[in-house]
Amino acid sequence: MAGDQPLEDAHRLWAHVEDLLRRRDLEVTQLMERVGLSRSMFYRWRSGQVVPKIEHLMAVERELGLERGHLLRMAGKPVPAPGDVDSVSVAVLSAGELTEQEKRVLLELYELFLRSRGERGRAS
């Protein structure tokens, strides 16, 4: 059924990610922590309830050492040209040394900064 396609794509994408994690002997929770996703957001993302943001997919790609655009293509998202994606958000999301809360605070501050410059929405 055509209406089930996003859900099928989400399941296929996360089956692939979980296979990559098994090969690297990593847990899903480790990956989600490193890219700044809460467990509940991950499960909503994995089940197809929430569409992953490009920044999150790129952070997962970086964390797993995948070619740029690998997961984006699987998720049916366009692969942005270098410089088209907000590199600050990607860097924050993929910073393994930061906690989820620290990442959230930094992204909120960055969003406030962008709004003050009239560039609303780039960090979200």
PDB file of N, CA and C in Angstrom:
ATOM      1  N   MET A   1       0.847  -1.172   0.000  1.00  0.00           N
ATOM      2  CA  MET A   1       0.000   0.000   0.000  1.00  0.00           C
ATOM      3  C   MET A   1       0.894   1.238   0.000  1.00  0.00           C
ATOM      4  N   ALA A   2       0.581   2.231  -0.831  1.00  0.00           N
ATOM      5  CA  ALA A   2       1.404   3.422  -0.977  1.00  0.00           C
ATOM      6  C   ALA A   2       1.516   4.203   0.321  1.00  0.00           C
ATOM      7  N   GLY A   3       0.491   4.247   1.140  1.00  0.00           N
ATOM      8  CA  GLY A   3       0.510   4.987   2.385  1.00  0.00           C
ATOM      9  C   GLY A   3       1.462   4.410   3.409  1.00  0.00           C
ATOM     10  N   ASP A   4       1.892   3.166   3.219  1.00  0.00           N
ATOM     11  CA  ASP A   4       2.802   2.522   4.161  1.00  0.00           C
ATOM     12  C   ASP A   4       4.273   2.749   3.812  1.00  0.00           C
ATOM     13  N   GLN A   5       4.566   3.428   2.699  1.00  0.00           N
ATOM     14  CA  GLN A   5       5.938   3.584   2.240  1.00  0.00           C
ATOM     15  C   GLN A   5       6.855   4.260   3.265  1.00  0.00           C
ATOM     16  N   PRO A   6       6.479   5.398   3.891  1.00  0.00           N
ATOM     17  CA  PRO A   6       7.388   5.999   4.867  1.00  0.00           C
ATOM     18  C   PRO A   6       7.728   5.055   6.018  1.00  0.00           C
ATOM     19  N   LEU A   7       6.750   4.291   6.483  1.00  0.00           N
ATOM     20  CA  LEU A   7       6.988   3.352   7.563  1.00  0.00           C
ATOM     21  C   LEU A   7       7.934   2.237   7.100  1.00  0.00           C
ATOM     22  N   GLU A   8       7.728   1.734   5.900  1.00  0.00           N
ATOM     23  CA  GLU A   8       8.614   0.706   5.349  1.00  0.00           C
ATOM     24  C   GLU A   8      10.031   1.247   5.191  1.00  0.00           C
ATOM     25  N   ASP A   9      10.153   2.497   4.708  1.00  0.00           N
ATOM     26  CA  ASP A   9      11.468   3.113   4.551  1.00  0.00           C
ATOM     27  C   ASP A   9      12.157   3.261   5.904  1.00  0.00           C
ATOM     28  N   ALA A  10      11.411   3.667   6.926  1.00  0.00           N
ATOM     29  CA  ALA A  10      11.980   3.829   8.272  1.00  0.00           C
ATOM     30  C   ALA A  10      12.473   2.485   8.802  1.00  0.00           C
ATOM     31  N   HIS A  11      11.693   1.447   8.627  1.00  0.00           N
ATOM     32  CA  HIS A  11      12.094   0.118   9.096  1.00  0.00           C
ATOM     33  C   HIS A  11      13.337  -0.380   8.353  1.00  0.00           C
ATOM     34  N   ARG A  12      13.371  -0.151   7.055  1.00  0.00           N
ATOM     35  CA  ARG A  12      14.516  -0.574   6.241  1.00  0.00           C
ATOM     36  C   ARG A  12      15.776   0.196   6.659  1.00  0.00           C
ATOM     37  N   LEU A  13      15.622   1.498   6.851  1.00  0.00           N
ATOM     38  CA  LEU A  13      16.749   2.329   7.266  1.00  0.00           C
ATOM     39  C   LEU A  13      17.312   1.853   8.594  1.00  0.00           C
ATOM     40  N   TRP A  14      16.439   1.621   9.577  1.00  0.00           N
ATOM     41  CA  TRP A  14      16.932   1.251  10.899  1.00  0.00           C
ATOM     42  C   TRP A  14      17.380  -0.198  10.986  1.00  0.00           C
ATOM     43  N   ALA A  15      16.857  -1.049  10.140  1.00  0.00           N
ATOM     44  CA  ALA A  15      17.396  -2.412  10.070  1.00  0.00           C
ATOM     45  C   ALA A  15      18.840  -2.335   9.574  1.00  0.00           C
ATOM     46  N   HIS A  16      19.087  -1.462   8.615  1.00  0.00           N
ATOM     47  CA  HIS A  16      20.432  -1.269   8.081  1.00  0.00           C
ATOM     48  C   HIS A  16      21.357  -0.684   9.157  1.00  0.00           C
ATOM     49  N   VAL A  17      20.899   0.340   9.868  1.00  0.00           N
ATOM     50  CA  VAL A  17      21.713   0.952  10.926  1.00  0.00           C
ATOM     51  C   VAL A  17      22.025  -0.073  12.012  1.00  0.00           C
ATOM     52  N   GLU A  18      21.031  -0.852  12.405  1.00  0.00           N
ATOM     53  CA  GLU A  18      21.258  -1.861  13.442  1.00  0.00           C
ATOM     54  C   GLU A  18      22.244  -2.929  12.972  1.00  0.00           C
ATOM     55  N   ASP A  19      22.204  -3.274  11.692  1.00  0.00           N
ATOM     56  CA  ASP A  19      23.173  -4.218  11.141  1.00  0.00           C
ATOM     57  C   ASP A  19      24.583  -3.621  11.210  1.00  0.00           C
ATOM     58  N   LEU A  20      24.710  -2.353  10.851  1.00  0.00           N
ATOM     59  CA  LEU A  20      26.009  -1.680  10.936  1.00  0.00           C
ATOM     60  C   LEU A  20      26.508  -1.630  12.379  1.00  0.00           C
ATOM     61  N   LEU A  21      25.600  -1.394  13.320  1.00  0.00           N
ATOM     62  CA  LEU A  21      25.984  -1.360  14.735  1.00  0.00           C
ATOM     63  C   LEU A  21      26.482  -2.725  15.196  1.00  0.00           C
ATOM     64  N   ARG A  22      25.784  -3.793  14.799  1.00  0.00           N
ATOM     65  CA  ARG A  22      26.226  -5.151  15.159  1.00  0.00           C
ATOM     66  C   ARG A  22      27.635  -5.412  14.641  1.00  0.00           C
ATOM     67  N   ARG A  23      27.882  -5.021  13.396  1.00  0.00           N
ATOM     68  CA  ARG A  23      29.199  -5.236  12.795  1.00  0.00           C
ATOM     69  C   ARG A  23      30.302  -4.472  13.538  1.00  0.00           C
ATOM     70  N   ARG A  24      29.925  -3.346  14.136  1.00  0.00           N
ATOM     71  CA  ARG A  24      30.902  -2.515  14.850  1.00  0.00           C
ATOM     72  C   ARG A  24      30.879  -2.773  16.357  1.00  0.00           C
ATOM     73  N   ASP A  25      30.062  -3.739  16.768  1.00  0.00           N
ATOM     74  CA  ASP A  25      29.936  -4.093  18.178  1.00  0.00           C
ATOM     75  C   ASP A  25      29.537  -2.889  19.036  1.00  0.00           C
ATOM     76  N   LEU A  26      28.566  -2.113  18.523  1.00  0.00           N
ATOM     77  CA  LEU A  26      28.028  -0.953  19.235  1.00  0.00           C
ATOM     78  C   LEU A  26      26.563  -1.192  19.566  1.00  0.00           C
ATOM     79  N   GLU A  27      26.104  -0.572  20.614  1.00  0.00           N
ATOM     80  CA  GLU A  27      24.696  -0.636  20.998  1.00  0.00           C
ATOM     81  C   GLU A  27      23.962   0.573  20.419  1.00  0.00           C
ATOM     82  N   VAL A  28      22.677   0.394  20.151  1.00  0.00           N
ATOM     83  CA  VAL A  28      21.841   1.489  19.657  1.00  0.00           C
ATOM     84  C   VAL A  28      21.887   2.665  20.631  1.00  0.00           C
ATOM     85  N   THR A  29      21.828   2.369  21.923  1.00  0.00           N
ATOM     86  CA  THR A  29      21.824   3.443  22.917  1.00  0.00           C
ATOM     87  C   THR A  29      23.123   4.248  22.878  1.00  0.00           C
ATOM     88  N   GLN A  30      24.248   3.584  22.605  1.00  0.00           N
ATOM     89  CA  GLN A  30      25.519   4.303  22.486  1.00  0.00           C
ATOM     90  C   GLN A  30      25.476   5.282  21.314  1.00  0.00           C
ATOM     91  N   LEU A  31      24.966   4.812  20.193  1.00  0.00           N
ATOM     92  CA  LEU A  31      24.881   5.664  19.011  1.00  0.00           C
ATOM     93  C   LEU A  31      23.961   6.852  19.267  1.00  0.00           C
ATOM     94  N   MET A  32      22.800   6.595  19.820  1.00  0.00           N
ATOM     95  CA  MET A  32      21.843   7.672  20.040  1.00  0.00           C
ATOM     96  C   MET A  32      22.394   8.710  21.019  1.00  0.00           C
ATOM     97  N   GLU A  33      23.111   8.246  22.007  1.00  0.00           N
ATOM     98  CA  GLU A  33      23.743   9.157  22.964  1.00  0.00           C
ATOM     99  C   GLU A  33      24.779  10.028  22.263  1.00  0.00           C
ATOM    100  N   ARG A  34      25.561   9.422  21.396  1.00  0.00           N
ATOM    101  CA  ARG A  34      26.628  10.152  20.704  1.00  0.00           C
ATOM    102  C   ARG A  34      26.101  11.192  19.729  1.00  0.00           C
ATOM    103  N   VAL A  35      24.915  10.950  19.143  1.00  0.00           N
ATOM    104  CA  VAL A  35      24.365  11.922  18.189  1.00  0.00           C
ATOM    105  C   VAL A  35      23.296  12.809  18.809  1.00  0.00           C
ATOM    106  N   GLY A  36      23.039  12.637  20.106  1.00  0.00           N
ATOM    107  CA  GLY A  36      22.148  13.554  20.807  1.00  0.00           C
ATOM    108  C   GLY A  36      20.668  13.267  20.693  1.00  0.00           C
ATOM    109  N   LEU A  37      20.299  12.017  20.506  1.00  0.00           N
ATOM    110  CA  LEU A  37      18.879  11.656  20.458  1.00  0.00           C
ATOM    111  C   LEU A  37      18.490  10.928  21.730  1.00  0.00           C
ATOM    112  N   SER A  38      17.353  11.312  22.286  1.00  0.00           N
ATOM    113  CA  SER A  38      16.845  10.595  23.455  1.00  0.00           C
ATOM    114  C   SER A  38      16.329   9.233  23.006  1.00  0.00           C
ATOM    115  N   ARG A  39      16.206   8.337  23.957  1.00  0.00           N
ATOM    116  CA  ARG A  39      15.701   6.998  23.641  1.00  0.00           C
ATOM    117  C   ARG A  39      14.285   7.073  23.067  1.00  0.00           C
ATOM    118  N   SER A  40      13.438   7.922  23.658  1.00  0.00           N
ATOM    119  CA  SER A  40      12.056   8.020  23.164  1.00  0.00           C
ATOM    120  C   SER A  40      12.023   8.593  21.748  1.00  0.00           C
ATOM    121  N   MET A  41      12.875   9.601  21.469  1.00  0.00           N
ATOM    122  CA  MET A  41      12.915  10.157  20.113  1.00  0.00           C
ATOM    123  C   MET A  41      13.412   9.110  19.131  1.00  0.00           C
ATOM    124  N   PHE A  42      14.420   8.346  19.532  1.00  0.00           N
ATOM    125  CA  PHE A  42      14.922   7.297  18.657  1.00  0.00           C
ATOM    126  C   PHE A  42      13.816   6.310  18.296  1.00  0.00           C
ATOM    127  N   TYR A  43      13.050   5.860  19.291  1.00  0.00           N
ATOM    128  CA  TYR A  43      12.004   4.878  19.004  1.00  0.00           C
ATOM    129  C   TYR A  43      10.908   5.480  18.134  1.00  0.00           C
ATOM    130  N   ARG A  44      10.598   6.756  18.318  1.00  0.00           N
ATOM    131  CA  ARG A  44       9.618   7.419  17.448  1.00  0.00           C
ATOM    132  C   ARG A  44      10.178   7.539  16.032  1.00  0.00           C
ATOM    133  N   TRP A  45      11.467   7.817  15.951  1.00  0.00           N
ATOM    134  CA  TRP A  45      12.156   7.947  14.665  1.00  0.00           C
ATOM    135  C   TRP A  45      12.198   6.598  13.971  1.00  0.00           C
ATOM    136  N   ARG A  46      12.581   5.579  14.709  1.00  0.00           N
ATOM    137  CA  ARG A  46      12.712   4.230  14.169  1.00  0.00           C
ATOM    138  C   ARG A  46      11.377   3.656  13.699  1.00  0.00           C
ATOM    139  N   SER A  47      10.295   3.984  14.414  1.00  0.00           N
ATOM    140  CA  SER A  47       8.981   3.448  14.061  1.00  0.00           C
ATOM    141  C   SER A  47       8.306   4.220  12.932  1.00  0.00           C
ATOM    142  N   GLY A  48       8.917   5.323  12.505  1.00  0.00           N
ATOM    143  CA  GLY A  48       8.342   6.101  11.418  1.00  0.00           C
ATOM    144  C   GLY A  48       7.386   7.173  11.884  1.00  0.00           C
ATOM    145  N   GLN A  49       7.246   7.371  13.200  1.00  0.00           N
ATOM    146  CA  GLN A  49       6.362   8.406  13.726  1.00  0.00           C
ATOM    147  C   GLN A  49       6.927   9.800  13.513  1.00  0.00           C
ATOM    148  N   VAL A  50       8.255   9.895  13.455  1.00  0.00           N
ATOM    149  CA  VAL A  50       8.955  11.167  13.277  1.00  0.00           C
ATOM    150  C   VAL A  50       9.936  11.006  12.132  1.00  0.00           C
ATOM    151  N   VAL A  51       9.993  11.981  11.269  1.00  0.00           N
ATOM    152  CA  VAL A  51      10.943  11.959  10.168  1.00  0.00           C
ATOM    153  C   VAL A  51      12.290  12.480  10.677  1.00  0.00           C
ATOM    154  N   PRO A  52      13.358  11.730  10.501  1.00  0.00           N
ATOM    155  CA  PRO A  52      14.673  12.192  10.960  1.00  0.00           C
ATOM    156  C   PRO A  52      15.100  13.471  10.233  1.00  0.00           C
ATOM    157  N   LYS A  53      15.708  14.365  10.974  1.00  0.00           N
ATOM    158  CA  LYS A  53      16.250  15.580  10.368  1.00  0.00           C
ATOM    159  C   LYS A  53      17.550  15.231   9.660  1.00  0.00           C
ATOM    160  N   ILE A  54      17.841  15.987   8.621  1.00  0.00           N
ATOM    161  CA  ILE A  54      19.067  15.769   7.864  1.00  0.00           C
ATOM    162  C   ILE A  54      20.279  15.816   8.784  1.00  0.00           C
ATOM    163  N   GLU A  55      20.279  16.768   9.718  1.00  0.00           N
ATOM    164  CA  GLU A  55      21.426  16.911  10.619  1.00  0.00           C
ATOM    165  C   GLU A  55      21.651  15.652  11.446  1.00  0.00           C
ATOM    166  N   HIS A  56      20.545  15.029  11.907  1.00  0.00           N
ATOM    167  CA  HIS A  56      20.676  13.804  12.702  1.00  0.00           C
ATOM    168  C   HIS A  56      21.197  12.654  11.852  1.00  0.00           C
ATOM    169  N   LEU A  57      20.662  12.516  10.646  1.00  0.00           N
ATOM    170  CA  LEU A  57      21.129  11.444   9.772  1.00  0.00           C
ATOM    171  C   LEU A  57      22.606  11.620   9.442  1.00  0.00           C
ATOM    172  N   MET A  58      23.014  12.865   9.205  1.00  0.00           N
ATOM    173  CA  MET A  58      24.417  13.110   8.899  1.00  0.00           C
ATOM    174  C   MET A  58      25.300  12.830  10.117  1.00  0.00           C
ATOM    175  N   ALA A  59      24.796  13.129  11.300  1.00  0.00           N
ATOM    176  CA  ALA A  59      25.560  12.829  12.516  1.00  0.00           C
ATOM    177  C   ALA A  59      25.723  11.319  12.681  1.00  0.00           C
ATOM    178  N   VAL A  60      24.667  10.545  12.376  1.00  0.00           N
ATOM    179  CA  VAL A  60      24.758   9.084  12.444  1.00  0.00           C
ATOM    180  C   VAL A  60      25.761   8.589  11.405  1.00  0.00           C
ATOM    181  N   GLU A  61      25.698   9.141  10.196  1.00  0.00           N
ATOM    182  CA  GLU A  61      26.667   8.762   9.160  1.00  0.00           C
ATOM    183  C   GLU A  61      28.098   9.004   9.642  1.00  0.00           C
ATOM    184  N   ARG A  62      28.339  10.155  10.201  1.00  0.00           N
ATOM    185  CA  ARG A  62      29.688  10.483  10.680  1.00  0.00           C
ATOM    186  C   ARG A  62      30.108   9.544  11.800  1.00  0.00           C
ATOM    187  N   GLU A  63      29.198   9.287  12.725  1.00  0.00           N
ATOM    188  CA  GLU A  63      29.533   8.434  13.871  1.00  0.00           C
ATOM    189  C   GLU A  63      29.857   7.013  13.427  1.00  0.00           C
ATOM    190  N   LEU A  64      29.180   6.533  12.396  1.00  0.00           N
ATOM    191  CA  LEU A  64      29.397   5.169  11.916  1.00  0.00           C
ATOM    192  C   LEU A  64      30.463   5.092  10.822  1.00  0.00           C
ATOM    193  N   GLY A  65      31.004   6.238  10.444  1.00  0.00           N
ATOM    194  CA  GLY A  65      32.050   6.250   9.419  1.00  0.00           C
ATOM    195  C   GLY A  65      31.525   5.936   8.031  1.00  0.00           C
ATOM    196  N   LEU A  66      30.284   6.314   7.764  1.00  0.00           N
ATOM    197  CA  LEU A  66      29.675   6.043   6.465  1.00  0.00           C
ATOM    198  C   LEU A  66      29.965   7.167   5.480  1.00  0.00           C
ATOM    199  N   GLU A  67      29.863   6.835   4.213  1.00  0.00           N
ATOM    200  CA  GLU A  67      29.993   7.840   3.167  1.00  0.00           C
ATOM    201  C   GLU A  67      28.897   8.895   3.338  1.00  0.00           C
ATOM    202  N   ARG A  68      29.251  10.146   3.111  1.00  0.00           N
ATOM    203  CA  ARG A  68      28.286  11.236   3.220  1.00  0.00           C
ATOM    204  C   ARG A  68      27.112  10.992   2.271  1.00  0.00           C
ATOM    205  N   GLY A  69      25.904  11.038   2.816  1.00  0.00           N
ATOM    206  CA  GLY A  69      24.698  10.858   2.016  1.00  0.00           C
ATOM    207  C   GLY A  69      24.160   9.440   2.008  1.00  0.00           C
ATOM    208  N   HIS A  70      24.913   8.487   2.556  1.00  0.00           N
ATOM    209  CA  HIS A  70      24.503   7.077   2.549  1.00  0.00           C
ATOM    210  C   HIS A  70      23.116   6.892   3.173  1.00  0.00           C
ATOM    211  N   LEU A  71      22.926   7.366   4.393  1.00  0.00           N
ATOM    212  CA  LEU A  71      21.631   7.214   5.070  1.00  0.00           C
ATOM    213  C   LEU A  71      20.597   8.194   4.534  1.00  0.00           C
ATOM    214  N   LEU A  72      21.050   9.365   4.112  1.00  0.00           N
ATOM    215  CA  LEU A  72      20.109  10.344   3.550  1.00  0.00           C
ATOM    216  C   LEU A  72      19.393   9.762   2.335  1.00  0.00           C
ATOM    217  N   ARG A  73      20.162   9.116   1.464  1.00  0.00           N
ATOM    218  CA  ARG A  73      19.548   8.503   0.273  1.00  0.00           C
ATOM    219  C   ARG A  73      18.574   7.397   0.673  1.00  0.00           C
ATOM    220  N   MET A  74      18.974   6.577   1.657  1.00  0.00           N
ATOM    221  CA  MET A  74      18.082   5.504   2.106  1.00  0.00           C
ATOM    222  C   MET A  74      16.786   6.052   2.692  1.00  0.00           C
ATOM    223  N   ALA A  75      16.863   7.233   3.331  1.00  0.00           N
ATOM    224  CA  ALA A  75      15.692   7.853   3.949  1.00  0.00           C
ATOM    225  C   ALA A  75      14.888   8.665   2.940  1.00  0.00           C
ATOM    226  N   GLY A  76      15.347   8.701   1.691  1.00  0.00           N
ATOM    227  CA  GLY A  76      14.629   9.450   0.671  1.00  0.00           C
ATOM    228  C   GLY A  76      14.820  10.947   0.782  1.00  0.00           C
ATOM    229  N   LYS A  77      15.906  11.355   1.432  1.00  0.00           N
ATOM    230  CA  LYS A  77      16.185  12.786   1.589  1.00  0.00           C
ATOM    231  C   LYS A  77      17.232  13.200   0.574  1.00  0.00           C
ATOM    232  N   PRO A  78      17.173  14.470   0.161  1.00  0.00           N
ATOM    233  CA  PRO A  78      18.214  14.942  -0.763  1.00  0.00           C
ATOM    234  C   PRO A  78      19.554  15.023  -0.044  1.00  0.00           C
ATOM    235  N   VAL A  79      20.609  14.787  -0.775  1.00  0.00           N
ATOM    236  CA  VAL A  79      21.955  14.909  -0.210  1.00  0.00           C
ATOM    237  C   VAL A  79      22.418  16.327  -0.507  1.00  0.00           C
ATOM    238  N   PRO A  80      22.526  17.132   0.537  1.00  0.00           N
ATOM    239  CA  PRO A  80      22.899  18.529   0.312  1.00  0.00           C
ATOM    240  C   PRO A  80      24.360  18.660  -0.122  1.00  0.00           C
ATOM    241  N   ALA A  81      24.597  19.686  -0.897  1.00  0.00           N
ATOM    242  CA  ALA A  81      25.974  19.988  -1.294  1.00  0.00           C
ATOM    243  C   ALA A  81      26.745  20.450  -0.063  1.00  0.00           C
ATOM    244  N   PRO A  82      28.044  20.252  -0.048  1.00  0.00           N
ATOM    245  CA  PRO A  82      28.829  20.747   1.084  1.00  0.00           C
ATOM    246  C   PRO A  82      28.562  22.235   1.303  1.00  0.00           C
ATOM    247  N   GLY A  83      28.364  22.608   2.543  1.00  0.00           N
ATOM    248  CA  GLY A  83      28.075  23.998   2.879  1.00  0.00           C
ATOM    249  C   GLY A  83      26.591  24.308   2.943  1.00  0.00           C
ATOM    250  N   ASP A  84      25.730  23.434   2.397  1.00  0.00           N
ATOM    251  CA  ASP A  84      24.291  23.679   2.433  1.00  0.00           C
ATOM    252  C   ASP A  84      23.660  23.271   3.755  1.00  0.00           C
ATOM    253  N   VAL A  85      24.320  22.425   4.500  1.00  0.00           N
ATOM    254  CA  VAL A  85      23.795  21.969   5.785  1.00  0.00           C
ATOM    255  C   VAL A  85      24.465  22.778   6.876  1.00  0.00           C
ATOM    256  N   ASP A  86      23.707  23.075   7.877  1.00  0.00           N
ATOM    257  CA  ASP A  86      24.213  23.848   8.994  1.00  0.00           C
ATOM    258  C   ASP A  86      25.293  23.049   9.717  1.00  0.00           C
ATOM    259  N   SER A  87      26.533  23.376   9.444  1.00  0.00           N
ATOM    260  CA  SER A  87      27.640  22.601   9.994  1.00  0.00           C
ATOM    261  C   SER A  87      27.759  22.729  11.506  1.00  0.00           C
ATOM    262  N   VAL A  88      27.283  23.826  12.086  1.00  0.00           N
ATOM    263  CA  VAL A  88      27.323  23.973  13.547  1.00  0.00           C
ATOM    264  C   VAL A  88      26.416  22.929  14.187  1.00  0.00           C
ATOM    265  N   SER A  89      25.206  22.782  13.683  1.00  0.00           N
ATOM    266  CA  SER A  89      24.274  21.794  14.238  1.00  0.00           C
ATOM    267  C   SER A  89      24.814  20.376  14.085  1.00  0.00           C
ATOM    268  N   VAL A  90      25.380  20.071  12.933  1.00  0.00           N
ATOM    269  CA  VAL A  90      25.931  18.735  12.709  1.00  0.00           C
ATOM    270  C   VAL A  90      27.075  18.479  13.676  1.00  0.00           C
ATOM    271  N   ALA A  91      27.941  19.475  13.858  1.00  0.00           N
ATOM    272  CA  ALA A  91      29.072  19.313  14.771  1.00  0.00           C
ATOM    273  C   ALA A  91      28.594  19.091  16.200  1.00  0.00           C
ATOM    274  N   VAL A  92      27.606  19.853  16.632  1.00  0.00           N
ATOM    275  CA  VAL A  92      27.085  19.695  17.997  1.00  0.00           C
ATOM    276  C   VAL A  92      26.454  18.322  18.157  1.00  0.00           C
ATOM    277  N   LEU A  93      25.624  17.919  17.206  1.00  0.00           N
ATOM    278  CA  LEU A  93      24.933  16.636  17.305  1.00  0.00           C
ATOM    279  C   LEU A  93      25.891  15.451  17.281  1.00  0.00           C
ATOM    280  N   SER A  94      27.013  15.587  16.605  1.00  0.00           N
ATOM    281  CA  SER A  94      27.925  14.452  16.499  1.00  0.00           C
ATOM    282  C   SER A  94      29.068  14.515  17.512  1.00  0.00           C
ATOM    283  N   ALA A  95      29.041  15.486  18.416  1.00  0.00           N
ATOM    284  CA  ALA A  95      30.095  15.605  19.433  1.00  0.00           C
ATOM    285  C   ALA A  95      29.866  14.572  20.525  1.00  0.00           C
ATOM    286  N   GLY A  96      30.603  13.489  20.462  1.00  0.00           N
ATOM    287  CA  GLY A  96      30.431  12.393  21.406  1.00  0.00           C
ATOM    288  C   GLY A  96      30.742  12.739  22.848  1.00  0.00           C
ATOM    289  N   GLU A  97      31.546  13.773  23.066  1.00  0.00           N
ATOM    290  CA  GLU A  97      31.922  14.116  24.433  1.00  0.00           C
ATOM    291  C   GLU A  97      30.857  14.944  25.156  1.00  0.00           C
ATOM    292  N   LEU A  98      29.835  15.401  24.447  1.00  0.00           N
ATOM    293  CA  LEU A  98      28.763  16.175  25.065  1.00  0.00           C
ATOM    294  C   LEU A  98      27.603  15.278  25.459  1.00  0.00           C
ATOM    295  N   THR A  99      26.929  15.622  26.546  1.00  0.00           N
ATOM    296  CA  THR A  99      25.729  14.884  26.937  1.00  0.00           C
ATOM    297  C   THR A  99      24.564  15.353  26.074  1.00  0.00           C
ATOM    298  N   GLU A 100      23.490  14.601  26.115  1.00  0.00           N
ATOM    299  CA  GLU A 100      22.294  14.976  25.361  1.00  0.00           C
ATOM    300  C   GLU A 100      21.790  16.350  25.805  1.00  0.00           C
ATOM    301  N   GLN A 101      21.796  16.586  27.094  1.00  0.00           N
ATOM    302  CA  GLN A 101      21.330  17.868  27.620  1.00  0.00           C
ATOM    303  C   GLN A 101      22.242  19.013  27.153  1.00  0.00           C
ATOM    304  N   GLU A 102      23.532  18.799  27.175  1.00  0.00           N
ATOM    305  CA  GLU A 102      24.465  19.831  26.711  1.00  0.00           C
ATOM    306  C   GLU A 102      24.240  20.146  25.232  1.00  0.00           C
ATOM    307  N   LYS A 103      24.012  19.126  24.436  1.00  0.00           N
ATOM    308  CA  LYS A 103      23.743  19.336  23.016  1.00  0.00           C
ATOM    309  C   LYS A 103      22.473  20.144  22.819  1.00  0.00           C
ATOM    310  N   ARG A 104      21.437  19.794  23.569  1.00  0.00           N
ATOM    311  CA  ARG A 104      20.158  20.500  23.461  1.00  0.00           C
ATOM    312  C   ARG A 104      20.342  21.977  23.823  1.00  0.00           C
ATOM    313  N   VAL A 105      21.071  22.254  24.907  1.00  0.00           N
ATOM    314  CA  VAL A 105      21.295  23.637  25.338  1.00  0.00           C
ATOM    315  C   VAL A 105      22.079  24.408  24.272  1.00  0.00           C
ATOM    316  N   LEU A 106      23.140  23.809  23.751  1.00  0.00           N
ATOM    317  CA  LEU A 106      23.930  24.477  22.715  1.00  0.00           C
ATOM    318  C   LEU A 106      23.106  24.772  21.466  1.00  0.00           C
ATOM    319  N   LEU A 107      22.273  23.819  21.064  1.00  0.00           N
ATOM    320  CA  LEU A 107      21.433  24.044  19.879  1.00  0.00           C
ATOM    321  C   LEU A 107      20.392  25.131  20.130  1.00  0.00           C
ATOM    322  N   GLU A 108      19.846  25.174  21.337  1.00  0.00           N
ATOM    323  CA  GLU A 108      18.893  26.239  21.672  1.00  0.00           C
ATOM    324  C   GLU A 108      19.576  27.607  21.644  1.00  0.00           C
ATOM    325  N   LEU A 109      20.784  27.688  22.205  1.00  0.00           N
ATOM    326  CA  LEU A 109      21.530  28.949  22.174  1.00  0.00           C
ATOM    327  C   LEU A 109      21.870  29.348  20.744  1.00  0.00           C
ATOM    328  N   TYR A 110      22.248  28.379  19.943  1.00  0.00           N
ATOM    329  CA  TYR A 110      22.569  28.649  18.545  1.00  0.00           C
ATOM    330  C   TYR A 110      21.336  29.145  17.793  1.00  0.00           C
ATOM    331  N   GLU A 111      20.196  28.539  18.059  1.00  0.00           N
ATOM    332  CA  GLU A 111      18.944  28.985  17.432  1.00  0.00           C
ATOM    333  C   GLU A 111      18.635  30.423  17.828  1.00  0.00           C
ATOM    334  N   LEU A 112      18.818  30.772  19.088  1.00  0.00           N
ATOM    335  CA  LEU A 112      18.611  32.164  19.537  1.00  0.00           C
ATOM    336  C   LEU A 112      19.559  33.115  18.806  1.00  0.00           C
ATOM    337  N   PHE A 113      20.804  32.704  18.664  1.00  0.00           N
ATOM    338  CA  PHE A 113      21.783  33.498  17.934  1.00  0.00           C
ATOM    339  C   PHE A 113      21.333  33.717  16.488  1.00  0.00           C
ATOM    340  N   LEU A 114      20.901  32.654  15.823  1.00  0.00           N
ATOM    341  CA  LEU A 114      20.453  32.781  14.425  1.00  0.00           C
ATOM    342  C   LEU A 114      19.243  33.694  14.318  1.00  0.00           C
ATOM    343  N   ARG A 115      18.308  33.565  15.251  1.00  0.00           N
ATOM    344  CA  ARG A 115      17.132  34.442  15.240  1.00  0.00           C
ATOM    345  C   ARG A 115      17.536  35.902  15.386  1.00  0.00           C
ATOM    346  N   SER A 116      18.517  36.168  16.248  1.00  0.00           N
ATOM    347  CA  SER A 116      18.954  37.552  16.459  1.00  0.00           C
ATOM    348  C   SER A 116      19.576  38.130  15.179  1.00  0.00           C
ATOM    349  N   ARG A 117      20.071  37.269  14.317  1.00  0.00           N
ATOM    350  CA  ARG A 117      20.660  37.696  13.055  1.00  0.00           C
ATOM    351  C   ARG A 117      19.672  37.588  11.896  1.00  0.00           C
ATOM    352  N   GLY A 118      18.437  37.200  12.195  1.00  0.00           N
ATOM    353  CA  GLY A 118      17.441  37.082  11.131  1.00  0.00           C
ATOM    354  C   GLY A 118      17.565  35.826  10.302  1.00  0.00           C
ATOM    355  N   GLU A 119      18.200  34.784  10.846  1.00  0.00           N
ATOM    356  CA  GLU A 119      18.407  33.529  10.124  1.00  0.00           C
ATOM    357  C   GLU A 119      17.624  32.399  10.777  1.00  0.00           C
ATOM    358  N   ARG A 120      16.453  32.674  11.220  1.00  0.00           N
ATOM    359  CA  ARG A 120      15.609  31.740  11.950  1.00  0.00           C
ATOM    360  C   ARG A 120      15.469  30.406  11.244  1.00  0.00           C
ATOM    361  N   GLY A 121      15.570  29.325  12.051  1.00  0.00           N
ATOM    362  CA  GLY A 121      15.242  28.001  11.560  1.00  0.00           C
ATOM    363  C   GLY A 121      16.394  27.179  11.036  1.00  0.00           C
ATOM    364  N   ARG A 122      17.566  27.748  10.854  1.00  0.00           N
ATOM    365  CA  ARG A 122      18.669  26.955  10.313  1.00  0.00           C
ATOM    366  C   ARG A 122      19.126  25.858  11.254  1.00  0.00           C
ATOM    367  N   ALA A 123      19.036  26.090  12.559  1.00  0.00           N
ATOM    368  CA  ALA A 123      19.549  25.112  13.514  1.00  0.00           C
ATOM    369  C   ALA A 123      18.530  24.063  13.893  1.00  0.00           C
ATOM    370  N   SER A 124      17.314  24.161  13.443  1.00  0.00           N
ATOM    371  CA  SER A 124      16.297  23.188  13.860  1.00  0.00           C
ATOM    372  C   SER A 124      16.153  22.053  12.885  1.00  0.00           C
TER     373      SER A 124
END
